Each structure stands twice: as structure tokens, then as C-alpha cells.
């Protein structure tokens, strides 16, 4: 199946806001978030920053012309490290390697040091990221648990070139 991963301009912010509701719904199983008085989850606090701050990259994912999810990537200038801030694939597009393929593309698009974090309670995410990162990094990554978080650290691209 073909998919498109595209860096989104600000005109696509409403698409992120809408897809974010599904993401927050899925994630509420692990963080106990509740909907507000309007029956919606509160807006994602950092979304606007993806179009105004350096080091933030909002990606939309489409498969066969349909929106399939999004990825929000950050680059921390002080630490010189990339991270996945948020990553979401709609349920109908899961289990067909789309998430893995997109993650690998993101790692290639942004060569350097990466840290990917999941909350310990989110066992499906931990399994997904451990498998995805291990495949990408040929098993060369660290995986630590700290303060209720699982954190994988690895390099994309030539490690000597990106240090």
C-alpha cells in the first residue's frame, strides 16, 4: 500500500486538531484524560508551536489518499536530539507496517541522535517502538526505564557524522 508523509503547513492545522481528538481518545486509556464540558478533549497545548518555533516538524500521513495519522517531531537545540512528541495512526491503518514505515522515514529525514519516550503503562506503544527502533538501528540502541517512562536512544545516519 502506498502512503505519503508530508510536512504540513499551517493551513493543515485544523486537520491536526481533528485527528488529535482520536489520538487523545486512544491515549486516555493510559493517562486517564477526560473530555471537557463540550464532549471534547482539551486542545493539544503545543500544536501552534509547530508552525512558529524552530525545531518542530508537523507531519501528516495519508494512505491511498485518506488521512491515516500524524507525527509531531521535535529537535531540542540544547541537547542536539530529535524526539517523537506525538505519533498517531488511525486504527483502520494499523497492523500493516504503516507505523513502522513512517517512523523509519522520519528517522531518515532527520539524521542525528534520537530519543523516543513512552509511558510505562502504554504497553502497546512500548512494544511498537522497541520493535521499530530495533529494526531501524539493527539492535544498536539503549532502552531504559525511568520515572514511569520507557526511553529508547539511538542514532540515525552516520553516528560519526552527526555528533
C-alpha atoms as a PDB file:
ATOM      1  CA  UNK A   1       0.000   0.000   0.000  1.00  0.00           C
ATOM      2  CA  UNK A   2       1.261   3.461  -0.808  1.00  0.00           C
ATOM      3  CA  UNK A   3       1.455   6.227   1.721  1.00  0.00           C
ATOM      4  CA  UNK A   4       2.518   9.853   1.792  1.00  0.00           C
ATOM      5  CA  UNK A   5       4.360  11.535   4.626  1.00  0.00           C
ATOM      6  CA  UNK A   6       4.295  15.297   4.210  1.00  0.00           C
ATOM      7  CA  UNK A   7       5.461  18.237   6.264  1.00  0.00           C
ATOM      8  CA  UNK A   8       2.286  20.232   6.854  1.00  0.00           C
ATOM      9  CA  UNK A   9       1.889  23.974   6.522  1.00  0.00           C
ATOM     10  CA  UNK A  10      -0.318  25.944   8.910  1.00  0.00           C
ATOM     11  CA  UNK A  11      -3.351  25.563   6.625  1.00  0.00           C
ATOM     12  CA  UNK A  12      -3.475  21.912   7.758  1.00  0.00           C
ATOM     13  CA  UNK A  13      -3.677  22.794  11.465  1.00  0.00           C
ATOM     14  CA  UNK A  14      -7.454  22.040  11.564  1.00  0.00           C
ATOM     15  CA  UNK A  15      -6.704  18.511  10.300  1.00  0.00           C
ATOM     16  CA  UNK A  16      -4.275  18.034  13.204  1.00  0.00           C
ATOM     17  CA  UNK A  17      -6.853  19.396  15.656  1.00  0.00           C
ATOM     18  CA  UNK A  18      -9.441  16.912  14.404  1.00  0.00           C
ATOM     19  CA  UNK A  19      -7.106  13.904  14.293  1.00  0.00           C
ATOM     20  CA  UNK A  20      -5.787  14.873  17.722  1.00  0.00           C
ATOM     21  CA  UNK A  21      -9.219  14.117  19.202  1.00  0.00           C
ATOM     22  CA  UNK A  22      -8.903  10.476  18.095  1.00  0.00           C
ATOM     23  CA  UNK A  23      -5.333  10.337  19.378  1.00  0.00           C
ATOM     24  CA  UNK A  24      -6.314  11.766  22.764  1.00  0.00           C
ATOM     25  CA  UNK A  25      -9.216   9.326  22.951  1.00  0.00           C
ATOM     26  CA  UNK A  26      -6.890   6.365  22.345  1.00  0.00           C
ATOM     27  CA  UNK A  27      -4.325   7.753  24.786  1.00  0.00           C
ATOM     28  CA  UNK A  28      -6.914   8.390  27.540  1.00  0.00           C
ATOM     29  CA  UNK A  29      -6.731   4.686  28.355  1.00  0.00           C
ATOM     30  CA  UNK A  30      -3.223   5.313  29.679  1.00  0.00           C
ATOM     31  CA  UNK A  31      -3.342   8.862  31.073  1.00  0.00           C
ATOM     32  CA  UNK A  32      -6.939   8.979  32.390  1.00  0.00           C
ATOM     33  CA  UNK A  33      -7.763  12.173  30.455  1.00  0.00           C
ATOM     34  CA  UNK A  34     -11.419  13.196  30.398  1.00  0.00           C
ATOM     35  CA  UNK A  35     -13.471  15.168  27.903  1.00  0.00           C
ATOM     36  CA  UNK A  36     -14.481  18.738  28.722  1.00  0.00           C
ATOM     37  CA  UNK A  37     -17.998  20.185  29.008  1.00  0.00           C
ATOM     38  CA  UNK A  38     -18.285  20.215  25.196  1.00  0.00           C
ATOM     39  CA  UNK A  39     -17.589  16.492  24.975  1.00  0.00           C
ATOM     40  CA  UNK A  40     -14.124  17.047  23.504  1.00  0.00           C
ATOM     41  CA  UNK A  41     -10.632  16.631  24.827  1.00  0.00           C
ATOM     42  CA  UNK A  42      -8.882  19.913  25.540  1.00  0.00           C
ATOM     43  CA  UNK A  43      -6.755  21.159  22.626  1.00  0.00           C
ATOM     44  CA  UNK A  44      -3.179  19.924  22.405  1.00  0.00           C
ATOM     45  CA  UNK A  45      -1.260  22.693  24.172  1.00  0.00           C
ATOM     46  CA  UNK A  46       1.805  22.730  21.893  1.00  0.00           C
ATOM     47  CA  UNK A  47       0.200  22.423  18.457  1.00  0.00           C
ATOM     48  CA  UNK A  48       0.542  26.117  17.489  1.00  0.00           C
ATOM     49  CA  UNK A  49       4.267  25.986  18.249  1.00  0.00           C
ATOM     50  CA  UNK A  50       4.825  23.598  15.328  1.00  0.00           C
ATOM     51  CA  UNK A  51       4.414  26.467  12.880  1.00  0.00           C
ATOM     52  CA  UNK A  52       6.225  29.204  14.782  1.00  0.00           C
ATOM     53  CA  UNK A  53       9.159  27.627  16.658  1.00  0.00           C
ATOM     54  CA  UNK A  54      12.397  26.347  15.187  1.00  0.00           C
ATOM     55  CA  UNK A  55      12.990  22.624  15.602  1.00  0.00           C
ATOM     56  CA  UNK A  56       9.355  21.495  15.340  1.00  0.00           C
ATOM     57  CA  UNK A  57       8.100  19.425  12.423  1.00  0.00           C
ATOM     58  CA  UNK A  58       4.391  18.601  11.900  1.00  0.00           C
ATOM     59  CA  UNK A  59       3.839  15.679   9.527  1.00  0.00           C
ATOM     60  CA  UNK A  60       0.588  14.349   8.109  1.00  0.00           C
ATOM     61  CA  UNK A  61       0.277  10.763   6.960  1.00  0.00           C
ATOM     62  CA  UNK A  62      -2.036   9.643   4.150  1.00  0.00           C
ATOM     63  CA  UNK A  63      -2.595   6.185   2.816  1.00  0.00           C
ATOM     64  CA  UNK A  64      -4.322   5.700  -0.510  1.00  0.00           C
ATOM     65  CA  UNK A  65      -5.436   9.336  -0.401  1.00  0.00           C
ATOM     66  CA  UNK A  66      -7.020   9.151   3.077  1.00  0.00           C
ATOM     67  CA  UNK A  67      -5.686  10.750   6.226  1.00  0.00           C
ATOM     68  CA  UNK A  68      -4.131   7.939   8.229  1.00  0.00           C
ATOM     69  CA  UNK A  69      -2.441   9.834  11.075  1.00  0.00           C
ATOM     70  CA  UNK A  70       0.205  12.334  12.051  1.00  0.00           C
ATOM     71  CA  UNK A  71       3.620  12.672  13.638  1.00  0.00           C
ATOM     72  CA  UNK A  72       4.994  15.605  15.583  1.00  0.00           C
ATOM     73  CA  UNK A  73       8.799  15.639  15.657  1.00  0.00           C
ATOM     74  CA  UNK A  74      10.908  17.944  17.821  1.00  0.00           C
ATOM     75  CA  UNK A  75      14.558  18.864  17.759  1.00  0.00           C
ATOM     76  CA  UNK A  76      15.974  20.040  21.078  1.00  0.00           C
ATOM     77  CA  UNK A  77      18.717  22.513  20.184  1.00  0.00           C
ATOM     78  CA  UNK A  78      20.250  22.464  23.673  1.00  0.00           C
ATOM     79  CA  UNK A  79      20.529  18.660  23.752  1.00  0.00           C
ATOM     80  CA  UNK A  80      21.066  18.178  19.993  1.00  0.00           C
ATOM     81  CA  UNK A  81      18.485  15.376  19.921  1.00  0.00           C
ATOM     82  CA  UNK A  82      15.343  14.578  17.933  1.00  0.00           C
ATOM     83  CA  UNK A  83      12.241  13.119  19.546  1.00  0.00           C
ATOM     84  CA  UNK A  84       8.789  11.954  18.619  1.00  0.00           C
ATOM     85  CA  UNK A  85       6.493  14.310  20.521  1.00  0.00           C
ATOM     86  CA  UNK A  86       3.323  12.581  19.312  1.00  0.00           C
ATOM     87  CA  UNK A  87       2.709   9.772  16.831  1.00  0.00           C
ATOM     88  CA  UNK A  88      -0.691   8.525  15.745  1.00  0.00           C
ATOM     89  CA  UNK A  89      -2.012   6.056  13.197  1.00  0.00           C
ATOM     90  CA  UNK A  90      -5.783   5.618  12.908  1.00  0.00           C
ATOM     91  CA  UNK A  91      -6.867   2.110  13.921  1.00  0.00           C
ATOM     92  CA  UNK A  92      -8.001   1.100  10.444  1.00  0.00           C
ATOM     93  CA  UNK A  93      -4.430   1.637   9.183  1.00  0.00           C
ATOM     94  CA  UNK A  94      -2.637  -0.223  11.962  1.00  0.00           C
ATOM     95  CA  UNK A  95      -1.154  -3.711  11.738  1.00  0.00           C
ATOM     96  CA  UNK A  96       0.055  -3.333   8.152  1.00  0.00           C
ATOM     97  CA  UNK A  97       3.533  -1.856   8.845  1.00  0.00           C
ATOM     98  CA  UNK A  98       2.432   1.725   8.106  1.00  0.00           C
ATOM     99  CA  UNK A  99       3.563   2.967  11.519  1.00  0.00           C
ATOM    100  CA  UNK A 100       6.935   1.257  11.217  1.00  0.00           C
ATOM    101  CA  UNK A 101       7.476   2.524   7.676  1.00  0.00           C
ATOM    102  CA  UNK A 102       6.572   6.099   8.658  1.00  0.00           C
ATOM    103  CA  UNK A 103       8.790   6.017  11.761  1.00  0.00           C
ATOM    104  CA  UNK A 104      11.735   4.758   9.695  1.00  0.00           C
ATOM    105  CA  UNK A 105      11.149   7.543   7.157  1.00  0.00           C
ATOM    106  CA  UNK A 106      11.115  10.132   9.950  1.00  0.00           C
ATOM    107  CA  UNK A 107      14.396   8.784  11.333  1.00  0.00           C
ATOM    108  CA  UNK A 108      15.967   9.014   7.865  1.00  0.00           C
ATOM    109  CA  UNK A 109      14.597  12.522   7.247  1.00  0.00           C
ATOM    110  CA  UNK A 110      16.202  13.760  10.465  1.00  0.00           C
ATOM    111  CA  UNK A 111      19.655  12.190  10.875  1.00  0.00           C
ATOM    112  CA  UNK A 112      21.179  12.505  14.306  1.00  0.00           C
ATOM    113  CA  UNK A 113      20.612  11.385  17.860  1.00  0.00           C
ATOM    114  CA  UNK A 114      17.063  10.297  18.710  1.00  0.00           C
ATOM    115  CA  UNK A 115      15.167   9.688  21.942  1.00  0.00           C
ATOM    116  CA  UNK A 116      11.723   8.110  21.816  1.00  0.00           C
ATOM    117  CA  UNK A 117       9.717   8.013  25.042  1.00  0.00           C
ATOM    118  CA  UNK A 118       6.595   6.127  26.090  1.00  0.00           C
ATOM    119  CA  UNK A 119       4.772   5.963  29.394  1.00  0.00           C
ATOM    120  CA  UNK A 120       5.255   2.574  31.081  1.00  0.00           C
ATOM    121  CA  UNK A 121       1.509   1.919  31.204  1.00  0.00           C
ATOM    122  CA  UNK A 122       1.244   2.092  27.412  1.00  0.00           C
ATOM    123  CA  UNK A 123       2.401  -1.454  26.692  1.00  0.00           C
ATOM    124  CA  UNK A 124       1.327  -1.448  23.003  1.00  0.00           C
ATOM    125  CA  UNK A 125       3.393   1.700  22.342  1.00  0.00           C
ATOM    126  CA  UNK A 126       6.392   0.264  24.181  1.00  0.00           C
ATOM    127  CA  UNK A 127       6.234  -2.902  22.068  1.00  0.00           C
ATOM    128  CA  UNK A 128       5.799  -0.937  18.846  1.00  0.00           C
ATOM    129  CA  UNK A 129       8.697   1.441  19.481  1.00  0.00           C
ATOM    130  CA  UNK A 130      11.092  -1.216  20.765  1.00  0.00           C
ATOM    131  CA  UNK A 131      10.472  -3.361  17.665  1.00  0.00           C
ATOM    132  CA  UNK A 132      10.514  -0.405  15.254  1.00  0.00           C
ATOM    133  CA  UNK A 133      13.693   1.110  16.679  1.00  0.00           C
ATOM    134  CA  UNK A 134      15.473  -2.225  16.968  1.00  0.00           C
ATOM    135  CA  UNK A 135      14.754  -2.917  13.283  1.00  0.00           C
ATOM    136  CA  UNK A 136      15.909   0.538  12.233  1.00  0.00           C
ATOM    137  CA  UNK A 137      19.046   0.646  14.380  1.00  0.00           C
ATOM    138  CA  UNK A 138      19.994  -3.021  13.833  1.00  0.00           C
ATOM    139  CA  UNK A 139      19.660  -3.556  17.578  1.00  0.00           C
ATOM    140  CA  UNK A 140      22.067  -0.715  18.409  1.00  0.00           C
ATOM    141  CA  UNK A 141      20.046   1.359  20.840  1.00  0.00           C
ATOM    142  CA  UNK A 142      19.633   1.821  24.574  1.00  0.00           C
ATOM    143  CA  UNK A 143      16.361   1.185  26.357  1.00  0.00           C
ATOM    144  CA  UNK A 144      15.949   2.479  29.898  1.00  0.00           C
ATOM    145  CA  UNK A 145      13.085   2.867  32.353  1.00  0.00           C
ATOM    146  CA  UNK A 146      12.947   5.998  34.468  1.00  0.00           C
ATOM    147  CA  UNK A 147      10.166   7.665  36.468  1.00  0.00           C
ATOM    148  CA  UNK A 148       7.345   5.738  34.783  1.00  0.00           C
ATOM    149  CA  UNK A 149       8.790   6.248  31.298  1.00  0.00           C
ATOM    150  CA  UNK A 150      10.469   3.943  28.797  1.00  0.00           C
ATOM    151  CA  UNK A 151      13.143   5.720  26.717  1.00  0.00           C
ATOM    152  CA  UNK A 152      14.975   4.420  23.647  1.00  0.00           C
ATOM    153  CA  UNK A 153      18.066   6.281  22.421  1.00  0.00           C
ATOM    154  CA  UNK A 154      19.756   5.635  19.066  1.00  0.00           C
ATOM    155  CA  UNK A 155      21.351   7.310  16.066  1.00  0.00           C
ATOM    156  CA  UNK A 156      20.018   7.809  12.578  1.00  0.00           C
ATOM    157  CA  UNK A 157      22.571   8.224   9.840  1.00  0.00           C
ATOM    158  CA  UNK A 158      26.315   8.024  10.265  1.00  0.00           C
ATOM    159  CA  UNK A 159      26.988   8.381  14.005  1.00  0.00           C
ATOM    160  CA  UNK A 160      30.410   9.953  13.438  1.00  0.00           C
ATOM    161  CA  UNK A 161      28.922  12.494  11.029  1.00  0.00           C
ATOM    162  CA  UNK A 162      26.094  13.615  13.318  1.00  0.00           C
ATOM    163  CA  UNK A 163      27.942  14.002  16.629  1.00  0.00           C
END
